Amino acid sequence: MMGFVSSFASGASLAVRARSSLAGRAVSVPPAASVRVARWSMVKSKSMPFMEAPPALDGTMAGDVGFDPLGFTNVFDIKWMREAELKHGRITMLATLGFFVQELFTLPARYFPSGTIAVDAHDYFVKTGGMQQLLLWFSFAEIFALLGVMYTMNGGDRAPGDFAFDPLKLANTPAKRAQMELSEVKNGRLAMIAIGGMVHQEWYSRKPVLDLLAHPAPILNISM
């Protein structure tokens, strides 16, 4: 004959202890109800409520909405991922602004051919040597940035992407700092999408971005 005894474990989960006359030992069996409770108590992603929030995305970082459908944070260090996101966001914010500036203000014709769109300007400066100079100077900047990243990844107290650069004191209080961090992440993500859209639009239309804003090109140009 078999008897069943149920009890509460840690005041929350229900366990069933079954004593078998054959084995002669008590076996703890979690009932189906406790499994269902554990399943529904999992934290859901804010951006994708139908998926679980990745463990590394606990909401402590600015702009964290639990978006990681491919599970990169389960493989790579979250600090490294945030460092890369901020870096790409800052570069694309400058690139997006540069797209508009180079259409409004250009170098004299003897330095830069007039009427050249941004996607062709890259190839022009690669041939003339200007891009090599930029690569050299940015390589020096990358060395110092890498030192900061290595300090962060080795247990340092530096926050990912933080280079203590605030000459205008825009983040001189904790509340302002939190607001600026969130604004930077959001604008950086938007800029990454924007620069990709502008580059591909220029490749397709062969027209500057500002001209396309004033006179949008058709999405499809199919001649019958």
N, C-alpha and C. Protein backbone atom coordinates (compact mmCIF):
# COMPACT_ATOMS: atom_id res chain seq x y z
N MET A 1 0.85 -1.19 0.00
CA MET A 1 0.00 0.00 0.00
C MET A 1 0.88 1.23 0.00
N MET A 2 0.45 2.27 -0.68
CA MET A 2 1.26 3.47 -0.84
C MET A 2 0.56 4.66 -0.22
N GLY A 3 1.28 5.43 0.57
CA GLY A 3 0.71 6.63 1.18
C GLY A 3 1.37 7.87 0.64
N PHE A 4 0.59 8.96 0.58
CA PHE A 4 1.12 10.21 0.04
C PHE A 4 1.03 11.29 1.12
N VAL A 5 2.08 12.09 1.22
CA VAL A 5 2.14 13.19 2.17
C VAL A 5 2.59 14.42 1.42
N SER A 6 1.80 15.49 1.52
CA SER A 6 2.16 16.74 0.85
C SER A 6 2.59 17.78 1.88
N SER A 7 3.50 18.63 1.49
CA SER A 7 4.00 19.66 2.40
C SER A 7 4.41 20.88 1.57
N PHE A 8 4.57 22.02 2.22
CA PHE A 8 5.02 23.24 1.56
C PHE A 8 6.52 23.37 1.76
N ALA A 9 7.25 23.68 0.65
CA ALA A 9 8.69 23.89 0.72
C ALA A 9 8.95 25.39 0.65
N SER A 10 9.66 25.88 1.67
CA SER A 10 10.00 27.31 1.77
C SER A 10 8.77 28.18 1.78
N GLY A 11 7.64 27.67 2.16
CA GLY A 11 6.42 28.45 2.28
C GLY A 11 5.81 28.83 0.95
N ALA A 12 6.32 28.28 -0.19
CA ALA A 12 5.81 28.72 -1.49
C ALA A 12 5.49 27.56 -2.40
N SER A 13 6.45 26.67 -2.64
CA SER A 13 6.24 25.60 -3.61
C SER A 13 5.73 24.36 -2.91
N LEU A 14 4.84 23.65 -3.59
CA LEU A 14 4.21 22.47 -3.04
C LEU A 14 4.98 21.24 -3.49
N ALA A 15 5.30 20.35 -2.56
CA ALA A 15 6.03 19.13 -2.88
C ALA A 15 5.23 17.95 -2.39
N VAL A 16 5.36 16.85 -3.09
CA VAL A 16 4.67 15.62 -2.72
C VAL A 16 5.71 14.57 -2.39
N ARG A 17 5.58 13.97 -1.19
CA ARG A 17 6.52 12.93 -0.79
C ARG A 17 5.78 11.59 -0.83
N ALA A 18 6.23 10.66 -1.65
CA ALA A 18 5.60 9.35 -1.81
C ALA A 18 6.51 8.28 -1.27
N ARG A 19 6.01 7.43 -0.34
CA ARG A 19 6.82 6.35 0.21
C ARG A 19 6.44 5.06 -0.50
N SER A 20 7.40 4.49 -1.19
CA SER A 20 7.17 3.27 -1.95
C SER A 20 7.52 2.05 -1.11
N SER A 21 6.61 1.06 -1.08
CA SER A 21 6.87 -0.16 -0.32
C SER A 21 7.93 -1.01 -1.01
N LEU A 22 8.15 -0.73 -2.32
CA LEU A 22 9.14 -1.52 -3.04
C LEU A 22 10.53 -0.96 -2.84
N ALA A 23 10.66 0.36 -3.00
CA ALA A 23 11.98 0.97 -2.85
C ALA A 23 12.33 1.23 -1.41
N GLY A 24 11.30 1.44 -0.58
CA GLY A 24 11.57 1.68 0.83
C GLY A 24 12.16 3.03 1.12
N ARG A 25 11.96 4.03 0.25
CA ARG A 25 12.52 5.35 0.48
C ARG A 25 11.50 6.42 0.07
N ALA A 26 11.67 7.60 0.61
CA ALA A 26 10.77 8.71 0.30
C ALA A 26 11.26 9.42 -0.95
N VAL A 27 10.34 9.73 -1.84
CA VAL A 27 10.67 10.40 -3.09
C VAL A 27 9.89 11.69 -3.16
N SER A 28 10.60 12.82 -3.39
CA SER A 28 9.96 14.12 -3.50
C SER A 28 9.58 14.37 -4.95
N VAL A 29 8.29 14.55 -5.20
CA VAL A 29 7.79 14.74 -6.56
C VAL A 29 7.08 16.08 -6.65
N PRO A 30 7.60 17.04 -7.43
CA PRO A 30 6.90 18.32 -7.59
C PRO A 30 5.64 18.13 -8.40
N PRO A 31 4.50 18.58 -7.89
CA PRO A 31 3.25 18.43 -8.63
C PRO A 31 3.20 19.35 -9.83
N ALA A 32 2.24 19.09 -10.71
CA ALA A 32 2.12 19.90 -11.92
C ALA A 32 1.80 21.34 -11.60
N ALA A 33 1.08 21.58 -10.47
CA ALA A 33 0.70 22.95 -10.11
C ALA A 33 1.93 23.81 -9.85
N SER A 34 2.95 23.25 -9.14
CA SER A 34 4.13 24.04 -8.84
C SER A 34 4.92 24.34 -10.10
N VAL A 35 4.92 23.42 -11.06
CA VAL A 35 5.60 23.66 -12.33
C VAL A 35 4.94 24.80 -13.08
N ARG A 36 3.60 24.83 -13.07
CA ARG A 36 2.89 25.92 -13.75
C ARG A 36 3.15 27.25 -13.08
N VAL A 37 3.23 27.28 -11.73
CA VAL A 37 3.51 28.52 -11.01
C VAL A 37 4.89 29.03 -11.36
N ALA A 38 5.87 28.12 -11.40
CA ALA A 38 7.24 28.54 -11.73
C ALA A 38 7.32 29.09 -13.15
N ARG A 39 6.55 28.47 -14.05
CA ARG A 39 6.59 28.89 -15.45
C ARG A 39 6.02 30.29 -15.61
N TRP A 40 4.91 30.60 -14.93
CA TRP A 40 4.28 31.91 -15.07
C TRP A 40 5.00 32.99 -14.28
N SER A 41 5.88 32.60 -13.33
CA SER A 41 6.59 33.60 -12.54
C SER A 41 7.84 34.10 -13.23
N MET A 42 8.19 33.55 -14.41
CA MET A 42 9.36 34.01 -15.14
C MET A 42 9.15 35.43 -15.64
N VAL A 43 10.24 36.22 -15.64
CA VAL A 43 10.16 37.62 -16.06
C VAL A 43 10.04 37.68 -17.57
N LYS A 44 9.08 38.44 -18.05
CA LYS A 44 8.87 38.60 -19.48
C LYS A 44 9.57 39.85 -19.99
N SER A 45 9.97 39.81 -21.25
CA SER A 45 10.62 40.95 -21.88
C SER A 45 9.61 42.09 -22.06
N LYS A 46 10.03 43.32 -21.77
CA LYS A 46 9.15 44.47 -21.95
C LYS A 46 8.87 44.73 -23.43
N SER A 47 9.88 44.54 -24.26
CA SER A 47 9.72 44.81 -25.68
C SER A 47 9.03 43.67 -26.41
N MET A 48 9.18 42.44 -25.90
CA MET A 48 8.55 41.26 -26.51
C MET A 48 7.92 40.42 -25.40
N PRO A 49 6.71 40.77 -24.96
CA PRO A 49 6.09 40.08 -23.82
C PRO A 49 5.89 38.58 -24.03
N PHE A 50 5.95 38.12 -25.27
CA PHE A 50 5.76 36.70 -25.53
C PHE A 50 7.05 35.90 -25.34
N MET A 51 8.15 36.59 -24.97
CA MET A 51 9.42 35.92 -24.74
C MET A 51 9.94 36.23 -23.34
N GLU A 52 10.79 35.36 -22.83
CA GLU A 52 11.41 35.59 -21.53
C GLU A 52 12.48 36.68 -21.66
N ALA A 53 12.64 37.47 -20.62
CA ALA A 53 13.68 38.48 -20.60
C ALA A 53 15.03 37.81 -20.37
N PRO A 54 16.04 38.13 -21.17
CA PRO A 54 17.36 37.53 -20.94
C PRO A 54 17.86 37.85 -19.54
N PRO A 55 18.51 36.90 -18.87
CA PRO A 55 18.97 37.14 -17.49
C PRO A 55 19.89 38.35 -17.35
N ALA A 56 20.72 38.60 -18.37
CA ALA A 56 21.67 39.71 -18.28
C ALA A 56 20.99 41.06 -18.40
N LEU A 57 19.83 41.10 -19.03
CA LEU A 57 19.10 42.36 -19.20
C LEU A 57 18.12 42.51 -18.04
N ASP A 58 18.63 43.02 -16.94
CA ASP A 58 17.83 43.13 -15.72
C ASP A 58 17.26 44.52 -15.49
N GLY A 59 17.40 45.41 -16.48
CA GLY A 59 16.83 46.75 -16.37
C GLY A 59 17.71 47.78 -15.71
N THR A 60 18.95 47.41 -15.35
CA THR A 60 19.82 48.36 -14.67
C THR A 60 20.49 49.34 -15.64
N MET A 61 20.61 48.96 -16.90
CA MET A 61 21.25 49.84 -17.88
C MET A 61 20.20 50.71 -18.57
N ALA A 62 20.62 51.90 -18.95
CA ALA A 62 19.72 52.84 -19.63
C ALA A 62 19.24 52.25 -20.95
N GLY A 63 17.94 52.37 -21.20
CA GLY A 63 17.39 51.89 -22.45
C GLY A 63 17.17 50.40 -22.53
N ASP A 64 17.31 49.70 -21.41
CA ASP A 64 17.14 48.24 -21.40
C ASP A 64 15.65 47.91 -21.36
N VAL A 65 15.17 47.30 -22.44
CA VAL A 65 13.77 46.87 -22.52
C VAL A 65 13.69 45.37 -22.77
N GLY A 66 14.77 44.66 -22.48
CA GLY A 66 14.78 43.21 -22.62
C GLY A 66 14.75 42.72 -24.05
N PHE A 67 15.32 43.50 -24.98
CA PHE A 67 15.29 43.10 -26.39
C PHE A 67 16.57 42.37 -26.75
N ASP A 68 16.49 41.07 -26.87
CA ASP A 68 17.62 40.25 -27.30
C ASP A 68 17.08 38.94 -27.85
N PRO A 69 16.36 39.00 -28.98
CA PRO A 69 15.70 37.79 -29.50
C PRO A 69 16.67 36.70 -29.93
N LEU A 70 17.91 37.06 -30.28
CA LEU A 70 18.88 36.07 -30.73
C LEU A 70 19.77 35.56 -29.60
N GLY A 71 19.60 36.11 -28.40
CA GLY A 71 20.32 35.60 -27.24
C GLY A 71 21.80 35.93 -27.21
N PHE A 72 22.20 37.09 -27.77
CA PHE A 72 23.60 37.46 -27.76
C PHE A 72 24.13 37.66 -26.34
N THR A 73 23.29 38.19 -25.44
CA THR A 73 23.74 38.44 -24.07
C THR A 73 23.94 37.15 -23.29
N ASN A 74 23.46 36.04 -23.82
CA ASN A 74 23.72 34.75 -23.18
C ASN A 74 25.09 34.19 -23.57
N VAL A 75 25.69 34.79 -24.60
CA VAL A 75 26.99 34.31 -25.09
C VAL A 75 28.10 35.31 -24.77
N PHE A 76 27.82 36.59 -24.98
CA PHE A 76 28.83 37.63 -24.77
C PHE A 76 28.54 38.41 -23.49
N ASP A 77 29.58 39.00 -22.94
CA ASP A 77 29.45 39.80 -21.73
C ASP A 77 28.59 41.03 -22.01
N ILE A 78 27.64 41.31 -21.13
CA ILE A 78 26.73 42.42 -21.34
C ILE A 78 27.47 43.75 -21.37
N LYS A 79 28.58 43.86 -20.64
CA LYS A 79 29.36 45.09 -20.65
C LYS A 79 29.97 45.33 -22.03
N TRP A 80 30.44 44.26 -22.65
CA TRP A 80 31.01 44.37 -23.99
C TRP A 80 29.93 44.75 -24.99
N MET A 81 28.75 44.18 -24.85
CA MET A 81 27.66 44.49 -25.76
C MET A 81 27.21 45.95 -25.62
N ARG A 82 27.13 46.46 -24.40
CA ARG A 82 26.74 47.86 -24.21
C ARG A 82 27.82 48.80 -24.72
N GLU A 83 29.08 48.45 -24.52
CA GLU A 83 30.18 49.26 -25.05
C GLU A 83 30.07 49.37 -26.56
N ALA A 84 29.81 48.25 -27.23
CA ALA A 84 29.70 48.24 -28.69
C ALA A 84 28.49 49.04 -29.15
N GLU A 85 27.37 48.92 -28.43
CA GLU A 85 26.17 49.65 -28.82
C GLU A 85 26.38 51.16 -28.72
N LEU A 86 26.96 51.61 -27.62
CA LEU A 86 27.20 53.05 -27.46
C LEU A 86 28.19 53.57 -28.49
N LYS A 87 29.21 52.78 -28.77
CA LYS A 87 30.22 53.21 -29.74
C LYS A 87 29.60 53.35 -31.12
N HIS A 88 28.85 52.35 -31.56
CA HIS A 88 28.23 52.42 -32.87
C HIS A 88 27.18 53.53 -32.92
N GLY A 89 26.47 53.74 -31.82
CA GLY A 89 25.49 54.82 -31.78
C GLY A 89 26.14 56.18 -31.92
N ARG A 90 27.26 56.40 -31.25
CA ARG A 90 27.94 57.69 -31.34
C ARG A 90 28.51 57.93 -32.73
N ILE A 91 29.08 56.88 -33.32
CA ILE A 91 29.63 57.03 -34.67
C ILE A 91 28.53 57.34 -35.68
N THR A 92 27.42 56.64 -35.58
CA THR A 92 26.34 56.87 -36.55
C THR A 92 25.63 58.19 -36.33
N MET A 93 25.60 58.69 -35.11
CA MET A 93 25.04 60.02 -34.89
C MET A 93 25.89 61.08 -35.60
N LEU A 94 27.22 60.93 -35.52
CA LEU A 94 28.11 61.85 -36.24
C LEU A 94 27.96 61.67 -37.75
N ALA A 95 27.84 60.42 -38.18
CA ALA A 95 27.72 60.16 -39.61
C ALA A 95 26.42 60.72 -40.17
N THR A 96 25.33 60.58 -39.42
CA THR A 96 24.05 61.11 -39.88
C THR A 96 24.10 62.63 -40.01
N LEU A 97 24.69 63.28 -39.00
CA LEU A 97 24.85 64.73 -39.09
C LEU A 97 25.76 65.11 -40.25
N GLY A 98 26.83 64.33 -40.44
CA GLY A 98 27.75 64.62 -41.53
C GLY A 98 27.11 64.51 -42.90
N PHE A 99 26.15 63.62 -43.05
CA PHE A 99 25.45 63.49 -44.33
C PHE A 99 24.77 64.80 -44.72
N PHE A 100 24.13 65.43 -43.75
CA PHE A 100 23.43 66.68 -44.03
C PHE A 100 24.41 67.84 -44.20
N VAL A 101 25.45 67.88 -43.37
CA VAL A 101 26.39 68.99 -43.41
C VAL A 101 27.12 69.04 -44.75
N GLN A 102 27.56 67.86 -45.25
CA GLN A 102 28.33 67.87 -46.50
C GLN A 102 27.48 68.24 -47.71
N GLU A 103 26.16 68.18 -47.55
CA GLU A 103 25.30 68.63 -48.65
C GLU A 103 25.08 70.13 -48.62
N LEU A 104 25.24 70.74 -47.46
CA LEU A 104 25.05 72.18 -47.32
C LEU A 104 26.36 72.95 -47.47
N PHE A 105 27.46 72.37 -46.97
CA PHE A 105 28.77 73.04 -47.00
C PHE A 105 29.79 72.07 -47.58
N THR A 106 30.45 72.47 -48.64
CA THR A 106 31.46 71.63 -49.27
C THR A 106 32.78 72.39 -49.39
N LEU A 107 33.84 71.65 -49.59
CA LEU A 107 35.15 72.24 -49.80
C LEU A 107 35.21 72.90 -51.18
N PRO A 108 36.17 73.80 -51.39
CA PRO A 108 36.31 74.40 -52.73
C PRO A 108 36.51 73.33 -53.80
N ALA A 109 36.17 73.68 -55.03
CA ALA A 109 36.18 72.71 -56.12
C ALA A 109 37.54 72.08 -56.34
N ARG A 110 38.64 72.82 -56.02
CA ARG A 110 39.96 72.25 -56.25
C ARG A 110 40.30 71.15 -55.25
N TYR A 111 39.54 71.09 -54.13
CA TYR A 111 39.76 70.03 -53.15
C TYR A 111 38.72 68.93 -53.24
N PHE A 112 37.54 69.29 -53.73
CA PHE A 112 36.45 68.31 -53.73
C PHE A 112 35.53 68.63 -54.89
N PRO A 113 35.27 67.66 -55.76
CA PRO A 113 34.41 67.94 -56.93
C PRO A 113 32.98 68.26 -56.50
N SER A 114 32.43 69.32 -57.05
CA SER A 114 31.08 69.74 -56.68
C SER A 114 30.06 68.74 -57.21
N GLY A 115 28.92 68.66 -56.53
CA GLY A 115 27.86 67.79 -56.96
C GLY A 115 28.06 66.32 -56.62
N THR A 116 29.07 66.01 -55.80
CA THR A 116 29.33 64.62 -55.43
C THR A 116 28.49 64.24 -54.22
N ILE A 117 27.76 63.17 -54.32
CA ILE A 117 26.94 62.73 -53.18
C ILE A 117 27.82 62.00 -52.17
N ALA A 118 27.28 61.81 -50.98
CA ALA A 118 28.08 61.28 -49.87
C ALA A 118 28.63 59.89 -50.15
N VAL A 119 27.85 59.03 -50.75
CA VAL A 119 28.32 57.66 -50.97
C VAL A 119 29.46 57.61 -51.98
N ASP A 120 29.54 58.60 -52.88
CA ASP A 120 30.65 58.67 -53.83
C ASP A 120 31.84 59.41 -53.23
N ALA A 121 31.58 60.27 -52.25
CA ALA A 121 32.67 61.01 -51.61
C ALA A 121 33.62 60.04 -50.89
N HIS A 122 33.09 58.96 -50.34
CA HIS A 122 33.94 57.97 -49.67
C HIS A 122 34.99 57.42 -50.64
N ASP A 123 34.55 56.99 -51.81
CA ASP A 123 35.48 56.43 -52.79
C ASP A 123 36.48 57.49 -53.27
N TYR A 124 36.02 58.73 -53.38
CA TYR A 124 36.90 59.81 -53.84
C TYR A 124 38.04 60.02 -52.86
N PHE A 125 37.71 60.07 -51.57
CA PHE A 125 38.75 60.33 -50.58
C PHE A 125 39.63 59.11 -50.33
N VAL A 126 39.14 57.92 -50.62
CA VAL A 126 40.01 56.75 -50.55
C VAL A 126 41.09 56.83 -51.63
N LYS A 127 40.71 57.30 -52.82
CA LYS A 127 41.67 57.40 -53.93
C LYS A 127 42.66 58.54 -53.73
N THR A 128 42.21 59.66 -53.16
CA THR A 128 43.07 60.83 -53.01
C THR A 128 43.89 60.83 -51.72
N GLY A 129 43.60 59.95 -50.79
CA GLY A 129 44.42 59.85 -49.58
C GLY A 129 43.79 60.43 -48.33
N GLY A 130 42.68 61.15 -48.44
CA GLY A 130 42.07 61.73 -47.25
C GLY A 130 41.57 60.69 -46.27
N MET A 131 41.02 59.60 -46.78
CA MET A 131 40.49 58.58 -45.90
C MET A 131 41.59 57.85 -45.13
N GLN A 132 42.78 57.72 -45.72
CA GLN A 132 43.89 57.09 -45.02
C GLN A 132 44.32 57.92 -43.82
N GLN A 133 44.27 59.25 -43.95
CA GLN A 133 44.63 60.10 -42.83
C GLN A 133 43.62 59.95 -41.69
N LEU A 134 42.35 59.90 -42.04
CA LEU A 134 41.33 59.68 -41.01
C LEU A 134 41.54 58.34 -40.31
N LEU A 135 41.86 57.31 -41.07
CA LEU A 135 42.09 55.99 -40.49
C LEU A 135 43.26 56.02 -39.52
N LEU A 136 44.32 56.76 -39.85
CA LEU A 136 45.48 56.84 -38.97
C LEU A 136 45.14 57.49 -37.64
N TRP A 137 44.47 58.64 -37.68
CA TRP A 137 44.17 59.36 -36.45
C TRP A 137 43.12 58.63 -35.61
N PHE A 138 42.16 58.03 -36.25
CA PHE A 138 41.17 57.28 -35.50
C PHE A 138 41.77 56.01 -34.88
N SER A 139 42.81 55.49 -35.47
CA SER A 139 43.49 54.32 -34.89
C SER A 139 44.11 54.68 -33.55
N PHE A 140 44.68 55.89 -33.45
CA PHE A 140 45.23 56.34 -32.16
C PHE A 140 44.12 56.45 -31.12
N ALA A 141 42.97 56.99 -31.52
CA ALA A 141 41.84 57.11 -30.60
C ALA A 141 41.34 55.74 -30.16
N GLU A 142 41.39 54.78 -31.07
CA GLU A 142 40.92 53.43 -30.74
C GLU A 142 41.81 52.78 -29.68
N ILE A 143 43.09 53.09 -29.69
CA ILE A 143 44.00 52.50 -28.70
C ILE A 143 43.59 52.93 -27.29
N PHE A 144 43.34 54.22 -27.10
CA PHE A 144 42.93 54.71 -25.78
C PHE A 144 41.55 54.18 -25.39
N ALA A 145 40.67 54.07 -26.37
CA ALA A 145 39.35 53.52 -26.07
C ALA A 145 39.46 52.06 -25.66
N LEU A 146 40.36 51.32 -26.29
CA LEU A 146 40.52 49.91 -25.96
C LEU A 146 41.05 49.74 -24.54
N LEU A 147 41.90 50.65 -24.10
CA LEU A 147 42.39 50.57 -22.72
C LEU A 147 41.24 50.71 -21.73
N GLY A 148 40.32 51.61 -22.01
CA GLY A 148 39.17 51.77 -21.13
C GLY A 148 38.27 50.55 -21.15
N VAL A 149 38.10 49.95 -22.32
CA VAL A 149 37.27 48.75 -22.43
C VAL A 149 37.89 47.60 -21.65
N MET A 150 39.19 47.41 -21.77
CA MET A 150 39.86 46.32 -21.06
C MET A 150 39.76 46.51 -19.54
N TYR A 151 39.83 47.77 -19.10
CA TYR A 151 39.68 48.04 -17.66
C TYR A 151 38.28 47.65 -17.19
N THR A 152 37.28 47.96 -18.00
CA THR A 152 35.90 47.60 -17.65
C THR A 152 35.71 46.10 -17.62
N MET A 153 36.23 45.41 -18.62
CA MET A 153 36.02 43.97 -18.73
C MET A 153 36.78 43.18 -17.67
N ASN A 154 37.79 43.78 -17.09
CA ASN A 154 38.59 43.10 -16.06
C ASN A 154 38.16 43.47 -14.65
N GLY A 155 36.90 43.87 -14.49
CA GLY A 155 36.38 44.12 -13.16
C GLY A 155 36.50 45.55 -12.67
N GLY A 156 36.87 46.49 -13.54
CA GLY A 156 36.97 47.88 -13.13
C GLY A 156 35.61 48.51 -12.87
N ASP A 157 35.62 49.65 -12.18
CA ASP A 157 34.36 50.30 -11.82
C ASP A 157 33.88 51.26 -12.91
N ARG A 158 34.53 51.29 -14.05
CA ARG A 158 34.12 52.17 -15.16
C ARG A 158 32.87 51.60 -15.82
N ALA A 159 31.86 52.43 -16.02
CA ALA A 159 30.65 52.01 -16.71
C ALA A 159 30.93 51.88 -18.19
N PRO A 160 30.34 50.92 -18.87
CA PRO A 160 30.58 50.76 -20.31
C PRO A 160 30.28 52.04 -21.07
N GLY A 161 31.21 52.45 -21.91
CA GLY A 161 31.03 53.64 -22.73
C GLY A 161 31.32 54.95 -22.04
N ASP A 162 31.70 54.91 -20.76
CA ASP A 162 31.91 56.14 -19.99
C ASP A 162 33.37 56.57 -20.11
N PHE A 163 33.58 57.74 -20.75
CA PHE A 163 34.92 58.31 -20.87
C PHE A 163 35.02 59.64 -20.11
N ALA A 164 34.09 59.87 -19.19
CA ALA A 164 34.08 61.07 -18.36
C ALA A 164 34.14 62.34 -19.22
N PHE A 165 33.44 62.32 -20.34
CA PHE A 165 33.44 63.47 -21.26
C PHE A 165 32.13 64.22 -21.11
N ASP A 166 32.19 65.32 -20.39
CA ASP A 166 31.01 66.17 -20.18
C ASP A 166 31.47 67.60 -19.96
N PRO A 167 32.07 68.23 -20.99
CA PRO A 167 32.62 69.58 -20.80
C PRO A 167 31.57 70.63 -20.48
N LEU A 168 30.32 70.41 -20.90
CA LEU A 168 29.27 71.40 -20.65
C LEU A 168 28.49 71.11 -19.37
N LYS A 169 28.89 70.08 -18.63
CA LYS A 169 28.23 69.72 -17.36
C LYS A 169 26.73 69.50 -17.55
N LEU A 170 26.39 68.75 -18.57
CA LEU A 170 24.98 68.45 -18.83
C LEU A 170 24.45 67.36 -17.92
N ALA A 171 25.34 66.59 -17.32
CA ALA A 171 24.93 65.48 -16.44
C ALA A 171 25.55 65.65 -15.07
N ASN A 172 25.34 66.83 -14.47
CA ASN A 172 25.98 67.13 -13.18
C ASN A 172 25.18 66.64 -11.98
N THR A 173 24.01 66.05 -12.20
CA THR A 173 23.24 65.45 -11.12
C THR A 173 22.84 64.03 -11.54
N PRO A 174 22.58 63.15 -10.57
CA PRO A 174 22.18 61.77 -10.94
C PRO A 174 20.95 61.71 -11.83
N ALA A 175 19.97 62.60 -11.59
CA ALA A 175 18.76 62.60 -12.42
C ALA A 175 19.07 63.03 -13.85
N LYS A 176 19.88 64.08 -13.99
CA LYS A 176 20.25 64.54 -15.33
C LYS A 176 21.11 63.51 -16.05
N ARG A 177 21.97 62.85 -15.30
CA ARG A 177 22.82 61.83 -15.90
C ARG A 177 21.99 60.66 -16.44
N ALA A 178 21.01 60.24 -15.66
CA ALA A 178 20.14 59.15 -16.11
C ALA A 178 19.38 59.55 -17.37
N GLN A 179 18.91 60.80 -17.39
CA GLN A 179 18.18 61.29 -18.56
C GLN A 179 19.08 61.35 -19.79
N MET A 180 20.31 61.84 -19.62
CA MET A 180 21.23 61.94 -20.74
C MET A 180 21.65 60.57 -21.25
N GLU A 181 21.84 59.61 -20.35
CA GLU A 181 22.20 58.25 -20.76
C GLU A 181 21.08 57.63 -21.60
N LEU A 182 19.85 57.82 -21.16
CA LEU A 182 18.72 57.27 -21.90
C LEU A 182 18.58 57.95 -23.26
N SER A 183 18.76 59.26 -23.30
CA SER A 183 18.66 60.00 -24.56
C SER A 183 19.75 59.55 -25.53
N GLU A 184 20.95 59.32 -25.01
CA GLU A 184 22.05 58.90 -25.88
C GLU A 184 21.77 57.53 -26.50
N VAL A 185 21.28 56.60 -25.70
CA VAL A 185 20.99 55.26 -26.20
C VAL A 185 19.89 55.31 -27.26
N LYS A 186 18.82 56.04 -26.98
CA LYS A 186 17.70 56.11 -27.93
C LYS A 186 18.12 56.78 -29.24
N ASN A 187 18.83 57.91 -29.13
CA ASN A 187 19.26 58.61 -30.35
C ASN A 187 20.29 57.80 -31.11
N GLY A 188 21.14 57.07 -30.39
CA GLY A 188 22.13 56.23 -31.06
C GLY A 188 21.47 55.10 -31.83
N ARG A 189 20.48 54.47 -31.25
CA ARG A 189 19.76 53.40 -31.96
C ARG A 189 19.04 53.94 -33.19
N LEU A 190 18.43 55.11 -33.05
CA LEU A 190 17.76 55.73 -34.18
C LEU A 190 18.75 56.08 -35.28
N ALA A 191 19.93 56.59 -34.89
CA ALA A 191 20.94 56.97 -35.88
C ALA A 191 21.48 55.77 -36.63
N MET A 192 21.60 54.61 -35.97
CA MET A 192 22.08 53.41 -36.65
C MET A 192 21.11 53.00 -37.76
N ILE A 193 19.82 53.15 -37.48
CA ILE A 193 18.82 52.84 -38.51
C ILE A 193 18.82 53.91 -39.60
N ALA A 194 18.94 55.19 -39.18
CA ALA A 194 18.86 56.30 -40.13
C ALA A 194 20.01 56.29 -41.13
N ILE A 195 21.23 56.05 -40.65
CA ILE A 195 22.37 56.11 -41.56
C ILE A 195 22.30 54.99 -42.59
N GLY A 196 21.82 53.83 -42.16
CA GLY A 196 21.65 52.74 -43.12
C GLY A 196 20.61 53.07 -44.18
N GLY A 197 19.53 53.71 -43.75
CA GLY A 197 18.49 54.09 -44.70
C GLY A 197 18.97 55.15 -45.67
N MET A 198 19.72 56.14 -45.20
CA MET A 198 20.18 57.21 -46.08
C MET A 198 21.20 56.70 -47.09
N VAL A 199 22.11 55.83 -46.64
CA VAL A 199 23.11 55.29 -47.56
C VAL A 199 22.45 54.50 -48.68
N HIS A 200 21.53 53.63 -48.32
CA HIS A 200 20.88 52.81 -49.34
C HIS A 200 19.97 53.64 -50.24
N GLN A 201 19.37 54.68 -49.68
CA GLN A 201 18.53 55.55 -50.50
C GLN A 201 19.37 56.30 -51.53
N GLU A 202 20.56 56.73 -51.16
CA GLU A 202 21.44 57.41 -52.12
C GLU A 202 21.96 56.44 -53.17
N TRP A 203 22.26 55.24 -52.76
CA TRP A 203 22.70 54.24 -53.74
C TRP A 203 21.61 54.00 -54.79
N TYR A 204 20.38 53.97 -54.31
CA TYR A 204 19.26 53.66 -55.21
C TYR A 204 18.90 54.84 -56.09
N SER A 205 18.79 56.02 -55.49
CA SER A 205 18.28 57.18 -56.23
C SER A 205 19.36 58.01 -56.89
N ARG A 206 20.61 57.93 -56.37
CA ARG A 206 21.73 58.76 -56.84
C ARG A 206 21.44 60.24 -56.64
N LYS A 207 20.70 60.58 -55.59
CA LYS A 207 20.40 61.96 -55.25
C LYS A 207 20.74 62.22 -53.79
N PRO A 208 21.08 63.47 -53.43
CA PRO A 208 21.36 63.81 -52.03
C PRO A 208 20.12 63.63 -51.15
N VAL A 209 20.38 63.47 -49.86
CA VAL A 209 19.29 63.22 -48.92
C VAL A 209 18.33 64.40 -48.85
N LEU A 210 18.87 65.62 -48.80
CA LEU A 210 18.00 66.79 -48.68
C LEU A 210 17.12 66.96 -49.91
N ASP A 211 17.64 66.62 -51.08
CA ASP A 211 16.81 66.68 -52.29
C ASP A 211 15.69 65.65 -52.23
N LEU A 212 15.98 64.51 -51.66
CA LEU A 212 14.97 63.47 -51.55
C LEU A 212 13.89 63.85 -50.55
N LEU A 213 14.27 64.60 -49.51
CA LEU A 213 13.27 65.06 -48.55
C LEU A 213 12.32 66.07 -49.18
N ALA A 214 12.87 66.91 -50.07
CA ALA A 214 12.03 67.91 -50.74
C ALA A 214 11.24 67.29 -51.89
N HIS A 215 11.85 66.33 -52.58
CA HIS A 215 11.19 65.69 -53.72
C HIS A 215 11.40 64.19 -53.60
N PRO A 216 10.56 63.50 -52.85
CA PRO A 216 10.74 62.06 -52.62
C PRO A 216 10.75 61.28 -53.92
N ALA A 217 11.67 60.32 -53.99
CA ALA A 217 11.75 59.45 -55.16
C ALA A 217 10.73 58.33 -55.03
N PRO A 218 10.24 57.82 -56.14
CA PRO A 218 9.30 56.69 -56.07
C PRO A 218 9.98 55.46 -55.49
N ILE A 219 9.19 54.68 -54.78
CA ILE A 219 9.75 53.47 -54.17
C ILE A 219 10.23 52.50 -55.23
N LEU A 220 9.46 52.34 -56.27
CA LEU A 220 9.82 51.46 -57.38
C LEU A 220 9.77 52.24 -58.67
N ASN A 221 10.77 52.07 -59.50
CA ASN A 221 10.82 52.75 -60.76
C ASN A 221 10.92 51.69 -61.86
N ILE A 222 9.79 51.15 -62.23
CA ILE A 222 9.74 50.05 -63.17
C ILE A 222 9.11 50.55 -64.47
N SER A 223 9.86 50.48 -65.54
CA SER A 223 9.33 50.91 -66.85
C SER A 223 8.83 49.68 -67.60
N MET A 224 7.61 49.80 -68.12
CA MET A 224 7.00 48.70 -68.84
C MET A 224 7.41 48.75 -70.32
